[in-house]
C-alpha atoms as a PDB file:
ATOM      1  CA  MET A   1      18.801  27.169  23.897  1.00  0.00           C
ATOM      2  CA  LEU A   2      16.143  24.670  24.884  1.00  0.00           C
ATOM      3  CA  GLU A   3      14.046  27.248  26.684  1.00  0.00           C
ATOM      4  CA  HIS A   4      13.532  29.139  23.419  1.00  0.00           C
ATOM      5  CA  LEU A   5      12.075  26.145  21.589  1.00  0.00           C
ATOM      6  CA  PRO A   6       8.303  26.378  21.028  1.00  0.00           C
ATOM      7  CA  ALA A   7       6.218  24.107  23.192  1.00  0.00           C
ATOM      8  CA  ARG A   8       4.806  21.101  21.377  1.00  0.00           C
ATOM      9  CA  ARG A   9       1.060  21.360  21.055  1.00  0.00           C
ATOM     10  CA  THR A  10      -1.067  18.382  21.912  1.00  0.00           C
ATOM     11  CA  ARG A  11      -3.623  17.779  19.214  1.00  0.00           C
ATOM     12  CA  ILE A  12      -6.983  16.449  20.268  1.00  0.00           C
ATOM     13  CA  ARG A  13      -8.356  14.075  17.651  1.00  0.00           C
ATOM     14  CA  VAL A  14     -12.095  14.571  17.241  1.00  0.00           C
ATOM     15  CA  SER A  15     -13.385  11.038  16.676  1.00  0.00           C
ATOM     16  CA  SER A  16     -16.894   9.819  15.956  1.00  0.00           C
ATOM     17  CA  THR A  17     -17.279   9.017  19.658  1.00  0.00           C
ATOM     18  CA  TYR A  18     -16.936  12.693  20.592  1.00  0.00           C
ATOM     19  CA  VAL A  19     -19.313  13.722  17.823  1.00  0.00           C
ATOM     20  CA  LEU A  20     -21.947  11.239  19.002  1.00  0.00           C
ATOM     21  CA  ALA A  21     -21.557  12.339  22.616  1.00  0.00           C
ATOM     22  CA  GLY A  22     -21.845  15.990  21.580  1.00  0.00           C
ATOM     23  CA  LEU A  23     -25.044  15.355  19.636  1.00  0.00           C
ATOM     24  CA  LEU A  24     -26.574  13.505  22.565  1.00  0.00           C
ATOM     25  CA  VAL A  25     -25.712  16.331  24.962  1.00  0.00           C
ATOM     26  CA  ALA A  26     -27.104  18.924  22.532  1.00  0.00           C
ATOM     27  CA  GLY A  27     -30.321  16.941  22.195  1.00  0.00           C
ATOM     28  CA  ILE A  28     -30.759  16.774  25.964  1.00  0.00           C
ATOM     29  CA  VAL A  29     -29.989  20.467  26.512  1.00  0.00           C
ATOM     30  CA  TRP A  30     -32.303  21.722  23.767  1.00  0.00           C
ATOM     31  CA  GLN A  31     -34.960  19.021  23.936  1.00  0.00           C
ATOM     32  CA  ALA A  32     -37.748  21.498  24.784  1.00  0.00           C
ATOM     33  CA  GLN A  33     -36.975  23.713  21.810  1.00  0.00           C
ATOM     34  CA  LEU A  34     -36.686  20.700  19.510  1.00  0.00           C
ATOM     35  CA  ALA A  35     -40.004  19.278  20.720  1.00  0.00           C
ATOM     36  CA  SER A  36     -41.843  22.574  20.187  1.00  0.00           C
ATOM     37  CA  ALA A  37     -40.358  22.984  16.712  1.00  0.00           C
ATOM     38  CA  ILE A  38     -41.446  19.474  15.742  1.00  0.00           C
ATOM     39  CA  ASP A  39     -44.947  19.888  17.180  1.00  0.00           C
ATOM     40  CA  ALA A  40     -45.454  23.038  15.115  1.00  0.00           C
ATOM     41  CA  ARG A  41     -44.866  21.297  11.777  1.00  0.00           C
ATOM     42  CA  LEU A  42     -46.937  18.357  10.613  1.00  0.00           C
ATOM     43  CA  ARG A  43     -44.484  17.284   7.908  1.00  0.00           C
ATOM     44  CA  LEU A  44     -41.645  17.331  10.429  1.00  0.00           C
ATOM     45  CA  GLN A  45     -43.717  15.114  12.727  1.00  0.00           C
ATOM     46  CA  THR A  46     -44.242  12.669   9.862  1.00  0.00           C
ATOM     47  CA  ALA A  47     -40.548  12.671   9.039  1.00  0.00           C
ATOM     48  CA  LEU A  48     -39.601  12.087  12.669  1.00  0.00           C
ATOM     49  CA  THR A  49     -42.065   9.215  12.944  1.00  0.00           C
ATOM     50  CA  MET A  50     -40.585   7.601   9.844  1.00  0.00           C
ATOM     51  CA  PHE A  51     -37.035   8.159  11.110  1.00  0.00           C
ATOM     52  CA  VAL A  52     -37.742   6.650  14.526  1.00  0.00           C
ATOM     53  CA  GLY A  53     -39.613   3.712  13.000  1.00  0.00           C
ATOM     54  CA  VAL A  54     -36.758   2.764  10.678  1.00  0.00           C
ATOM     55  CA  PHE A  55     -34.110   3.325  13.347  1.00  0.00           C
ATOM     56  CA  VAL A  56     -35.869   1.390  16.136  1.00  0.00           C
ATOM     57  CA  GLN A  57     -36.585  -1.558  13.849  1.00  0.00           C
ATOM     58  CA  ALA A  58     -33.002  -1.770  12.649  1.00  0.00           C
ATOM     59  CA  ILE A  59     -31.004  -1.116  15.824  1.00  0.00           C
ATOM     60  CA  PRO A  60     -31.386  -4.621  17.394  1.00  0.00           C
ATOM     61  CA  PHE A  61     -29.976  -6.242  14.267  1.00  0.00           C
ATOM     62  CA  LEU A  62     -27.242  -3.646  14.100  1.00  0.00           C
ATOM     63  CA  VAL A  63     -26.183  -4.419  17.680  1.00  0.00           C
ATOM     64  CA  LEU A  64     -26.325  -8.157  17.029  1.00  0.00           C
ATOM     65  CA  GLY A  65     -24.228  -7.752  13.907  1.00  0.00           C
ATOM     66  CA  VAL A  66     -21.689  -5.646  15.789  1.00  0.00           C
ATOM     67  CA  VAL A  67     -21.341  -8.307  18.497  1.00  0.00           C
ATOM     68  CA  VAL A  68     -20.883 -11.058  15.908  1.00  0.00           C
ATOM     69  CA  SER A  69     -18.384  -8.979  13.943  1.00  0.00           C
ATOM     70  CA  GLY A  70     -16.379  -8.217  17.074  1.00  0.00           C
ATOM     71  CA  ALA A  71     -16.345 -11.880  18.086  1.00  0.00           C
ATOM     72  CA  ILE A  72     -15.072 -12.893  14.660  1.00  0.00           C
ATOM     73  CA  ALA A  73     -12.338 -10.265  14.751  1.00  0.00           C
ATOM     74  CA  ALA A  74     -11.223 -11.541  18.156  1.00  0.00           C
ATOM     75  CA  PHE A  75     -11.603 -15.317  17.870  1.00  0.00           C
ATOM     76  CA  VAL A  76     -11.556 -16.304  14.173  1.00  0.00           C
ATOM     77  CA  SER A  77      -8.312 -16.193  12.218  1.00  0.00           C
ATOM     78  CA  PRO A  78      -8.214 -15.816   8.432  1.00  0.00           C
ATOM     79  CA  ALA A  79      -5.867 -18.819   8.494  1.00  0.00           C
ATOM     80  CA  LEU A  80      -8.844 -20.986   9.463  1.00  0.00           C
ATOM     81  CA  LEU A  81     -10.665 -20.123   6.251  1.00  0.00           C
ATOM     82  CA  ARG A  82      -7.495 -20.638   4.222  1.00  0.00           C
ATOM     83  CA  LYS A  83      -7.091 -24.178   5.596  1.00  0.00           C
ATOM     84  CA  MET A  84     -10.613 -25.025   4.458  1.00  0.00           C
ATOM     85  CA  LEU A  85     -10.058 -23.974   0.846  1.00  0.00           C
ATOM     86  CA  PRO A  86      -9.867 -26.649  -1.877  1.00  0.00           C
ATOM     87  CA  ARG A  87      -6.865 -26.635  -4.177  1.00  0.00           C
ATOM     88  CA  ASN A  88      -9.064 -26.126  -7.236  1.00  0.00           C
ATOM     89  CA  GLU A  89      -9.514 -22.369  -7.584  1.00  0.00           C
ATOM     90  CA  THR A  90     -13.062 -22.547  -8.940  1.00  0.00           C
ATOM     91  CA  ALA A  91     -14.167 -24.769  -6.062  1.00  0.00           C
ATOM     92  CA  ALA A  92     -12.278 -22.514  -3.641  1.00  0.00           C
ATOM     93  CA  ILE A  93     -14.204 -19.489  -4.931  1.00  0.00           C
ATOM     94  CA  GLY A  94     -17.446 -21.302  -4.122  1.00  0.00           C
ATOM     95  CA  VAL A  95     -16.220 -22.102  -0.606  1.00  0.00           C
ATOM     96  CA  GLY A  96     -15.045 -18.514  -0.123  1.00  0.00           C
ATOM     97  CA  GLY A  97     -18.429 -17.177  -1.175  1.00  0.00           C
ATOM     98  CA  LEU A  98     -20.364 -19.566   1.071  1.00  0.00           C
ATOM     99  CA  ALA A  99     -18.030 -18.763   3.973  1.00  0.00           C
ATOM    100  CA  GLY A 100     -19.912 -15.489   4.285  1.00  0.00           C
ATOM    101  CA  LEU A 101     -22.692 -17.508   5.927  1.00  0.00           C
ATOM    102  CA  ALA A 102     -20.419 -18.576   8.759  1.00  0.00           C
ATOM    103  CA  LEU A 103     -18.167 -15.532   9.023  1.00  0.00           C
ATOM    104  CA  PRO A 104     -20.388 -12.451   8.917  1.00  0.00           C
ATOM    105  CA  GLY A 105     -19.044  -8.970   9.312  1.00  0.00           C
ATOM    106  CA  CYS A 106     -19.512  -5.372   8.312  1.00  0.00           C
ATOM    107  CA  GLU A 107     -17.876  -3.995   5.206  1.00  0.00           C
ATOM    108  CA  CYS A 108     -15.126  -2.348   7.232  1.00  0.00           C
ATOM    109  CA  GLY A 109     -14.260  -5.593   9.019  1.00  0.00           C
ATOM    110  CA  VAL A 110     -14.349  -7.744   5.883  1.00  0.00           C
ATOM    111  CA  VAL A 111     -11.992  -5.601   3.767  1.00  0.00           C
ATOM    112  CA  PRO A 112      -8.964  -6.061   6.063  1.00  0.00           C
ATOM    113  CA  VAL A 113      -9.811  -9.756   6.526  1.00  0.00           C
ATOM    114  CA  ALA A 114      -9.760 -10.202   2.737  1.00  0.00           C
ATOM    115  CA  ARG A 115      -6.441  -8.355   2.609  1.00  0.00           C
ATOM    116  CA  ARG A 116      -4.976 -10.664   5.254  1.00  0.00           C
ATOM    117  CA  LEU A 117      -6.238 -13.745   3.397  1.00  0.00           C
ATOM    118  CA  ILE A 118      -4.351 -12.633   0.288  1.00  0.00           C
ATOM    119  CA  ASP A 119      -1.241 -11.842   2.343  1.00  0.00           C
ATOM    120  CA  GLN A 120      -1.381 -15.352   3.834  1.00  0.00           C
ATOM    121  CA  GLY A 121      -1.344 -16.933   0.388  1.00  0.00           C
ATOM    122  CA  ALA A 122      -5.034 -17.431  -0.406  1.00  0.00           C
ATOM    123  CA  PRO A 123      -5.999 -16.803  -4.048  1.00  0.00           C
ATOM    124  CA  SER A 124      -7.149 -13.218  -4.491  1.00  0.00           C
ATOM    125  CA  SER A 125     -10.262 -14.413  -6.342  1.00  0.00           C
ATOM    126  CA  VAL A 126     -11.327 -16.393  -3.267  1.00  0.00           C
ATOM    127  CA  ALA A 127     -10.694 -13.466  -0.941  1.00  0.00           C
ATOM    128  CA  LEU A 128     -12.768 -11.176  -3.174  1.00  0.00           C
ATOM    129  CA  ALA A 129     -15.664 -13.651  -3.255  1.00  0.00           C
ATOM    130  CA  PHE A 130     -15.595 -13.684   0.541  1.00  0.00           C
ATOM    131  CA  LEU A 131     -15.297  -9.886   0.602  1.00  0.00           C
ATOM    132  CA  LEU A 132     -18.574  -9.548  -1.303  1.00  0.00           C
ATOM    133  CA  SER A 133     -20.541 -12.357   0.344  1.00  0.00           C
ATOM    134  CA  ALA A 134     -19.830 -11.901   4.057  1.00  0.00           C
ATOM    135  CA  PRO A 135     -21.664  -8.566   4.545  1.00  0.00           C
ATOM    136  CA  ALA A 136     -24.563  -9.655   2.319  1.00  0.00           C
ATOM    137  CA  ILE A 137     -25.585 -13.264   3.035  1.00  0.00           C
ATOM    138  CA  ASN A 138     -24.824 -13.700   6.721  1.00  0.00           C
ATOM    139  CA  PRO A 139     -27.658 -14.784   9.049  1.00  0.00           C
ATOM    140  CA  VAL A 140     -28.022 -11.381  10.710  1.00  0.00           C
ATOM    141  CA  VAL A 141     -28.671  -9.677   7.374  1.00  0.00           C
ATOM    142  CA  LEU A 142     -31.074 -12.365   6.187  1.00  0.00           C
ATOM    143  CA  ILE A 143     -33.081 -12.300   9.437  1.00  0.00           C
ATOM    144  CA  ALA A 144     -33.232  -8.500   9.294  1.00  0.00           C
ATOM    145  CA  THR A 145     -34.529  -8.737   5.727  1.00  0.00           C
ATOM    146  CA  ALA A 146     -37.217 -11.207   6.803  1.00  0.00           C
ATOM    147  CA  VAL A 147     -38.342  -8.873   9.590  1.00  0.00           C
ATOM    148  CA  ALA A 148     -38.307  -5.817   7.310  1.00  0.00           C
ATOM    149  CA  PHE A 149     -40.384  -7.621   4.660  1.00  0.00           C
ATOM    150  CA  PRO A 150     -42.943  -9.713   6.572  1.00  0.00           C
ATOM    151  CA  GLY A 151     -44.960 -11.999   4.362  1.00  0.00           C
ATOM    152  CA  GLU A 152     -42.352 -11.783   1.579  1.00  0.00           C
ATOM    153  CA  PRO A 153     -40.029 -14.786   2.022  1.00  0.00           C
ATOM    154  CA  GLY A 154     -39.067 -14.425  -1.610  1.00  0.00           C
ATOM    155  CA  MET A 155     -37.158 -11.252  -0.743  1.00  0.00           C
ATOM    156  CA  VAL A 156     -34.910 -13.169   1.652  1.00  0.00           C
ATOM    157  CA  VAL A 157     -34.235 -15.938  -0.867  1.00  0.00           C
ATOM    158  CA  ALA A 158     -33.749 -13.474  -3.720  1.00  0.00           C
ATOM    159  CA  ARG A 159     -31.351 -11.330  -1.695  1.00  0.00           C
ATOM    160  CA  PHE A 160     -29.327 -14.397  -0.724  1.00  0.00           C
ATOM    161  CA  ALA A 161     -29.227 -15.714  -4.296  1.00  0.00           C
ATOM    162  CA  GLY A 162     -28.457 -12.340  -5.901  1.00  0.00           C
ATOM    163  CA  SER A 163     -25.710 -11.467  -3.410  1.00  0.00           C
ATOM    164  CA  LEU A 164     -24.077 -14.897  -3.521  1.00  0.00           C
ATOM    165  CA  ALA A 165     -24.205 -14.897  -7.319  1.00  0.00           C
ATOM    166  CA  THR A 166     -22.553 -11.465  -7.355  1.00  0.00           C
ATOM    167  CA  ALA A 167     -19.739 -12.717  -5.123  1.00  0.00           C
ATOM    168  CA  LEU A 168     -19.149 -15.881  -7.153  1.00  0.00           C
ATOM    169  CA  VAL A 169     -19.303 -14.155 -10.544  1.00  0.00           C
ATOM    170  CA  MET A 170     -16.859 -11.446  -9.460  1.00  0.00           C
ATOM    171  CA  GLY A 171     -14.512 -14.068  -8.037  1.00  0.00           C
ATOM    172  CA  LEU A 172     -14.584 -15.979 -11.315  1.00  0.00           C
ATOM    173  CA  LEU A 173     -14.137 -12.807 -13.369  1.00  0.00           C
ATOM    174  CA  TRP A 174     -11.129 -11.802 -11.293  1.00  0.00           C
ATOM    175  CA  SER A 175      -9.581 -15.260 -11.651  1.00  0.00           C
ATOM    176  CA  ARG A 176     -10.007 -14.986 -15.431  1.00  0.00           C
ATOM    177  CA  PHE A 177      -9.229 -11.334 -16.163  1.00  0.00           C
ATOM    178  CA  GLY A 178      -7.709  -9.858 -12.998  1.00  0.00           C
ATOM    179  CA  SER A 179      -4.010  -9.294 -12.488  1.00  0.00           C
ATOM    180  CA  PRO A 180      -2.142  -9.416  -9.147  1.00  0.00           C
ATOM    181  CA  THR A 181      -0.140  -6.402 -10.319  1.00  0.00           C
ATOM    182  CA  TRP A 182      -3.294  -4.303  -9.959  1.00  0.00           C
ATOM    183  CA  MET A 183      -3.163  -4.820  -6.204  1.00  0.00           C
ATOM    184  CA  LEU A 184      -0.887  -3.198  -3.682  1.00  0.00           C
ATOM    185  CA  PRO A 185       1.927  -5.489  -2.494  1.00  0.00           C
ATOM    186  CA  ARG A 186       1.860  -7.009   0.953  1.00  0.00           C
ATOM    187  CA  GLY A 187       2.352  -4.553   3.748  1.00  0.00           C
ATOM    188  CA  GLY A 188      -0.430  -2.107   2.801  1.00  0.00           C
ATOM    189  CA  PRO A 189      -2.996  -0.954   5.349  1.00  0.00           C
ATOM    190  CA  ASP A 190      -4.795  -4.088   6.444  1.00  0.00           C
ATOM    191  CA  HIS A 191      -5.976  -3.611   9.982  1.00  0.00           C
ATOM    192  CA  CYS A 192      -9.211  -2.018  11.014  1.00  0.00           C
ATOM    193  CA  VAL A 193      -8.915  -2.697  14.719  1.00  0.00           C
ATOM    194  CA  THR A 194      -6.091  -2.919  17.228  1.00  0.00           C
ATOM    195  CA  GLY A 195      -5.608  -4.593  20.555  1.00  0.00           C
ATOM    196  CA  ARG A 196      -3.226  -6.976  22.270  1.00  0.00           C
ATOM    197  CA  THR A 197      -5.706  -9.346  23.887  1.00  0.00           C
ATOM    198  CA  ARG A 198      -8.810 -10.942  22.451  1.00  0.00           C
ATOM    199  CA  ALA A 199     -10.969  -8.894  24.805  1.00  0.00           C
ATOM    200  CA  GLU A 200      -9.350  -5.686  23.584  1.00  0.00           C
ATOM    201  CA  VAL A 201      -9.766  -6.711  19.938  1.00  0.00           C
ATOM    202  CA  PHE A 202     -13.421  -7.583  20.542  1.00  0.00           C
ATOM    203  CA  ALA A 203     -14.127  -4.309  22.341  1.00  0.00           C
ATOM    204  CA  GLU A 204     -12.351  -2.178  19.742  1.00  0.00           C
ATOM    205  CA  ALA A 205     -13.936  -4.004  16.796  1.00  0.00           C
ATOM    206  CA  ALA A 206     -17.410  -3.743  18.328  1.00  0.00           C
ATOM    207  CA  ARG A 207     -16.957  -0.056  19.182  1.00  0.00           C
ATOM    208  CA  HIS A 208     -15.625   0.769  15.718  1.00  0.00           C
ATOM    209  CA  ASP A 209     -18.367  -1.119  13.885  1.00  0.00           C
ATOM    210  CA  LEU A 210     -21.130   0.252  16.104  1.00  0.00           C
ATOM    211  CA  LEU A 211     -20.103   3.871  15.608  1.00  0.00           C
ATOM    212  CA  GLN A 212     -19.530   3.509  11.885  1.00  0.00           C
ATOM    213  CA  ALA A 213     -22.608   1.408  11.142  1.00  0.00           C
ATOM    214  CA  GLY A 214     -24.729   3.500  13.508  1.00  0.00           C
ATOM    215  CA  ALA A 215     -23.736   6.663  11.661  1.00  0.00           C
ATOM    216  CA  PHE A 216     -24.796   5.181   8.341  1.00  0.00           C
ATOM    217  CA  LEU A 217     -28.019   3.874   9.898  1.00  0.00           C
ATOM    218  CA  VAL A 218     -28.861   7.410  11.020  1.00  0.00           C
ATOM    219  CA  LEU A 219     -28.093   8.635   7.500  1.00  0.00           C
ATOM    220  CA  GLY A 220     -30.307   5.945   5.983  1.00  0.00           C
ATOM    221  CA  ALA A 221     -33.194   6.570   8.360  1.00  0.00           C
ATOM    222  CA  ALA A 222     -32.953  10.316   7.756  1.00  0.00           C
ATOM    223  CA  THR A 223     -32.903   9.747   3.997  1.00  0.00           C
ATOM    224  CA  ALA A 224     -35.962   7.494   4.195  1.00  0.00           C
ATOM    225  CA  ALA A 225     -37.778  10.153   6.208  1.00  0.00           C
ATOM    226  CA  ALA A 226     -36.750  12.916   3.800  1.00  0.00           C
ATOM    227  CA  LEU A 227     -37.867  10.903   0.777  1.00  0.00           C
ATOM    228  CA  HIS A 228     -41.204  10.272   2.453  1.00  0.00           C
ATOM    229  CA  VAL A 229     -42.024  13.934   3.102  1.00  0.00           C
ATOM    230  CA  LEU A 230     -40.050  15.862   0.453  1.00  0.00           C
ATOM    231  CA  VAL A 231     -40.496  13.792  -2.676  1.00  0.00           C
ATOM    232  CA  PRO A 232     -44.020  14.132  -4.126  1.00  0.00           C
ATOM    233  CA  PRO A 233     -45.931  10.822  -4.164  1.00  0.00           C
ATOM    234  CA  GLN A 234     -46.442  11.269  -7.911  1.00  0.00           C
ATOM    235  CA  TRP A 235     -42.707  10.821  -8.428  1.00  0.00           C
ATOM    236  CA  PHE A 236     -42.716   7.435  -6.734  1.00  0.00           C
ATOM    237  CA  GLU A 237     -45.839   6.445  -8.656  1.00  0.00           C
ATOM    238  CA  HIS A 238     -44.158   7.379 -11.913  1.00  0.00           C
ATOM    239  CA  LEU A 239     -40.965   5.581 -10.923  1.00  0.00           C
ATOM    240  CA  ALA A 240     -42.975   2.484 -10.026  1.00  0.00           C
ATOM    241  CA  THR A 241     -44.253   2.298 -13.610  1.00  0.00           C
ATOM    242  CA  GLN A 242     -40.737   2.650 -15.093  1.00  0.00           C
ATOM    243  CA  MET A 243     -39.077  -0.563 -13.935  1.00  0.00           C
ATOM    244  CA  LEU A 244     -35.728  -0.053 -15.655  1.00  0.00           C
ATOM    245  CA  LEU A 245     -35.457   3.523 -14.420  1.00  0.00           C
ATOM    246  CA  ALA A 246     -36.405   2.445 -10.890  1.00  0.00           C
ATOM    247  CA  ILE A 247     -33.713  -0.234 -10.903  1.00  0.00           C
ATOM    248  CA  VAL A 248     -31.023   2.233 -11.991  1.00  0.00           C
ATOM    249  CA  VAL A 249     -32.134   4.938  -9.543  1.00  0.00           C
ATOM    250  CA  LEU A 250     -32.145   2.620  -6.536  1.00  0.00           C
ATOM    251  CA  ALA A 251     -28.831   1.061  -7.537  1.00  0.00           C
ATOM    252  CA  VAL A 252     -27.223   4.503  -7.641  1.00  0.00           C
ATOM    253  CA  LEU A 253     -28.932   5.430  -4.368  1.00  0.00           C
ATOM    254  CA  ALA A 254     -27.421   2.337  -2.727  1.00  0.00           C
ATOM    255  CA  VAL A 255     -23.943   3.406  -3.855  1.00  0.00           C
ATOM    256  CA  VAL A 256     -24.367   6.966  -2.584  1.00  0.00           C
ATOM    257  CA  LEU A 257     -26.007   6.178   0.762  1.00  0.00           C
ATOM    258  CA  ALA A 258     -23.437   3.504   1.743  1.00  0.00           C
ATOM    259  CA  LEU A 259     -25.726   1.968   4.352  1.00  0.00           C
ATOM    260  CA  CYS A 260     -24.834  -0.828   6.743  1.00  0.00           C
ATOM    261  CA  SER A 261     -26.020  -4.169   5.356  1.00  0.00           C
ATOM    262  CA  GLU A 262     -27.535  -5.060   8.725  1.00  0.00           C
ATOM    263  CA  ALA A 263     -29.960  -2.145   8.522  1.00  0.00           C
ATOM    264  CA  ASP A 264     -30.487  -1.359   4.837  1.00  0.00           C
ATOM    265  CA  ALA A 265     -33.500  -3.693   4.550  1.00  0.00           C
ATOM    266  CA  PHE A 266     -35.542  -1.391   6.775  1.00  0.00           C
ATOM    267  CA  VAL A 267     -34.714   1.585   4.583  1.00  0.00           C
ATOM    268  CA  ALA A 268     -35.716  -0.404   1.501  1.00  0.00           C
ATOM    269  CA  ALA A 269     -38.929  -1.514   3.189  1.00  0.00           C
ATOM    270  CA  SER A 270     -39.852   2.127   3.823  1.00  0.00           C
ATOM    271  CA  MET A 271     -40.011   2.704   0.038  1.00  0.00           C
ATOM    272  CA  SER A 272     -43.294   0.836  -0.015  1.00  0.00           C
ATOM    273  CA  THR A 273     -44.692   2.507  -3.137  1.00  0.00           C
ATOM    274  CA  LEU A 274     -41.946   0.993  -5.308  1.00  0.00           C
ATOM    275  CA  PRO A 275     -42.033  -2.592  -6.614  1.00  0.00           C
ATOM    276  CA  LEU A 276     -40.013  -5.271  -4.863  1.00  0.00           C
ATOM    277  CA  LEU A 277     -37.557  -5.749  -7.724  1.00  0.00           C
ATOM    278  CA  PRO A 278     -35.902  -2.291  -7.568  1.00  0.00           C
ATOM    279  CA  ARG A 279     -35.739  -2.565  -3.795  1.00  0.00           C
ATOM    280  CA  LEU A 280     -34.046  -5.943  -4.152  1.00  0.00           C
ATOM    281  CA  VAL A 281     -31.458  -4.334  -6.442  1.00  0.00           C
ATOM    282  CA  PHE A 282     -30.921  -1.718  -3.730  1.00  0.00           C
ATOM    283  CA  LEU A 283     -30.236  -4.486  -1.188  1.00  0.00           C
ATOM    284  CA  VAL A 284     -27.857  -6.445  -3.421  1.00  0.00           C
ATOM    285  CA  VAL A 285     -25.855  -3.495  -4.750  1.00  0.00           C
ATOM    286  CA  GLY A 286     -25.387  -1.715  -1.409  1.00  0.00           C
ATOM    287  CA  PRO A 287     -23.221  -4.292   0.432  1.00  0.00           C
ATOM    288  CA  ALA A 288     -21.226  -4.974  -2.743  1.00  0.00           C
ATOM    289  CA  VAL A 289     -20.229  -1.480  -3.860  1.00  0.00           C
ATOM    290  CA  ASP A 290     -20.673   1.992  -2.410  1.00  0.00           C
ATOM    291  CA  VAL A 291     -18.614   5.134  -1.910  1.00  0.00           C
ATOM    292  CA  LYS A 292     -17.316   3.977   1.469  1.00  0.00           C
ATOM    293  CA  LEU A 293     -16.269   0.580   0.158  1.00  0.00           C
ATOM    294  CA  PHE A 294     -14.557   2.151  -2.841  1.00  0.00           C
ATOM    295  CA  ALA A 295     -12.389   4.281  -0.568  1.00  0.00           C
ATOM    296  CA  MET A 296     -11.557   1.336   1.693  1.00  0.00           C
ATOM    297  CA  GLN A 297     -10.733  -0.974  -1.215  1.00  0.00           C
ATOM    298  CA  ALA A 298      -8.536   1.688  -2.793  1.00  0.00           C
ATOM    299  CA  GLY A 299      -6.641   1.965   0.481  1.00  0.00           C
ATOM    300  CA  ALA A 300      -6.325  -1.782   1.075  1.00  0.00           C
ATOM    301  CA  PHE A 301      -5.753  -3.020  -2.478  1.00  0.00           C
ATOM    302  CA  GLY A 302      -4.816   0.041  -4.504  1.00  0.00           C
ATOM    303  CA  ARG A 303      -6.644   2.606  -6.611  1.00  0.00           C
ATOM    304  CA  ARG A 304      -6.052   0.703  -9.845  1.00  0.00           C
ATOM    305  CA  PHE A 305      -7.821  -2.319  -8.395  1.00  0.00           C
ATOM    306  CA  ALA A 306     -10.729  -0.245  -7.079  1.00  0.00           C
ATOM    307  CA  LEU A 307     -11.219   1.489 -10.435  1.00  0.00           C
ATOM    308  CA  TRP A 308     -11.668  -1.914 -12.081  1.00  0.00           C
ATOM    309  CA  PHE A 309     -13.483  -3.722  -9.289  1.00  0.00           C
ATOM    310  CA  ALA A 310     -16.133  -1.174  -8.289  1.00  0.00           C
ATOM    311  CA  PRO A 311     -17.748  -0.556 -11.724  1.00  0.00           C
ATOM    312  CA  SER A 312     -17.603  -4.254 -12.569  1.00  0.00           C
ATOM    313  CA  THR A 313     -19.239  -5.191  -9.259  1.00  0.00           C
ATOM    314  CA  PHE A 314     -21.907  -2.539  -9.764  1.00  0.00           C
ATOM    315  CA  ALA A 315     -22.910  -3.968 -13.157  1.00  0.00           C
ATOM    316  CA  VAL A 316     -22.747  -7.602 -12.028  1.00  0.00           C
ATOM    317  CA  ALA A 317     -24.778  -6.886  -8.870  1.00  0.00           C
ATOM    318  CA  ILE A 318     -27.561  -5.218 -10.875  1.00  0.00           C
ATOM    319  CA  VAL A 319     -27.754  -8.144 -13.298  1.00  0.00           C
ATOM    320  CA  CYS A 320     -27.648 -10.814 -10.573  1.00  0.00           C
ATOM    321  CA  ALA A 321     -30.263  -9.017  -8.470  1.00  0.00           C
ATOM    322  CA  THR A 322     -32.564  -8.569 -11.456  1.00  0.00           C
ATOM    323  CA  VAL A 323     -32.311 -12.229 -12.431  1.00  0.00           C
ATOM    324  CA  ALA A 324     -32.876 -13.326  -8.829  1.00  0.00           C
ATOM    325  CA  GLY A 325     -35.883 -11.017  -8.621  1.00  0.00           C
ATOM    326  CA  TYR A 326     -37.506 -12.480 -11.703  1.00  0.00           C
ATOM    327  CA  VAL A 327     -36.850 -16.022 -10.471  1.00  0.00           C
ATOM    328  CA  PHE A 328     -37.854 -15.709  -6.801  1.00  0.00           C
ATOM    329  CA  LEU A 329     -40.221 -12.734  -6.809  1.00  0.00           C
ATOM    330  CA  GLY A 330     -42.303 -13.758  -9.777  1.00  0.00           C
ATOM    331  CA  GLY A 331     -41.135 -11.021 -12.132  1.00  0.00           C
ATOM    332  CA  ALA A 332     -41.452  -7.241 -11.887  1.00  0.00           C
ATOM    333  CA  ARG A 333     -43.356  -6.946  -8.628  1.00  0.00           C
END
């Protein structure tokens, strides 16, 4: 009887690692053909130069952020943050938001940490404030912003203020209007990395974040290059004169692109024909709400929560970024 049973097929899971390796091999094999095709087209040369410039500038900060994120996943427990929280919920929201300075991480790493904080008894409003602040105000992101915008220290201060304000306002709004019933009960998907030892957790977290963030960095650099060569300069000039329209367009672009917060400043810096204020909105909205984060939050907290949280965060981030821009950038620059 057993000999008639069909053999079980072993499925090979095609992960991002295999895709990256395949692209590298293809690039090496066909490098001559690719080089000749690029040399024959001036616009393609310009696009490639823009792509390489954005990518090379951002990659050191991306690697640094990945190392920090992996170290936090391996050596810092959410229980440590919970012990530091004041009993007053409003004060705890402030501490949770400022904790993003000390506990940086990518969006993928922060979502499960926020889930674990809630599961360990921390107020959900505090966990959400941390969720929004950690990818946006950590030192790696702020240093990358300073490098991407040399001579514009106001951009660093405005990004910090706008992102922190977004985190605190959303935490306060959730404490006032949110309902725990909108969230999935404990036991939902809350782990982004696996591993039995700290070294294994560090390696897996770093590998996961590098591949995910690197993929979005490539997407962002390619988008910046495409915008530079495909979009007529007159469009950017017109958009630069329509401040409200520019703010809305770049906010939506931040949601769609879903860039890594450790590299998005270089993409924003490449849009040099636009004023600083819309680009600031791009930098504040991106780490707070995008298509990738929406999917992750729906999985970790529930779709009902995500349907309330994402649009609210989008509106609050635009307002906070705009106010911060007018305060620290001297208006509509």
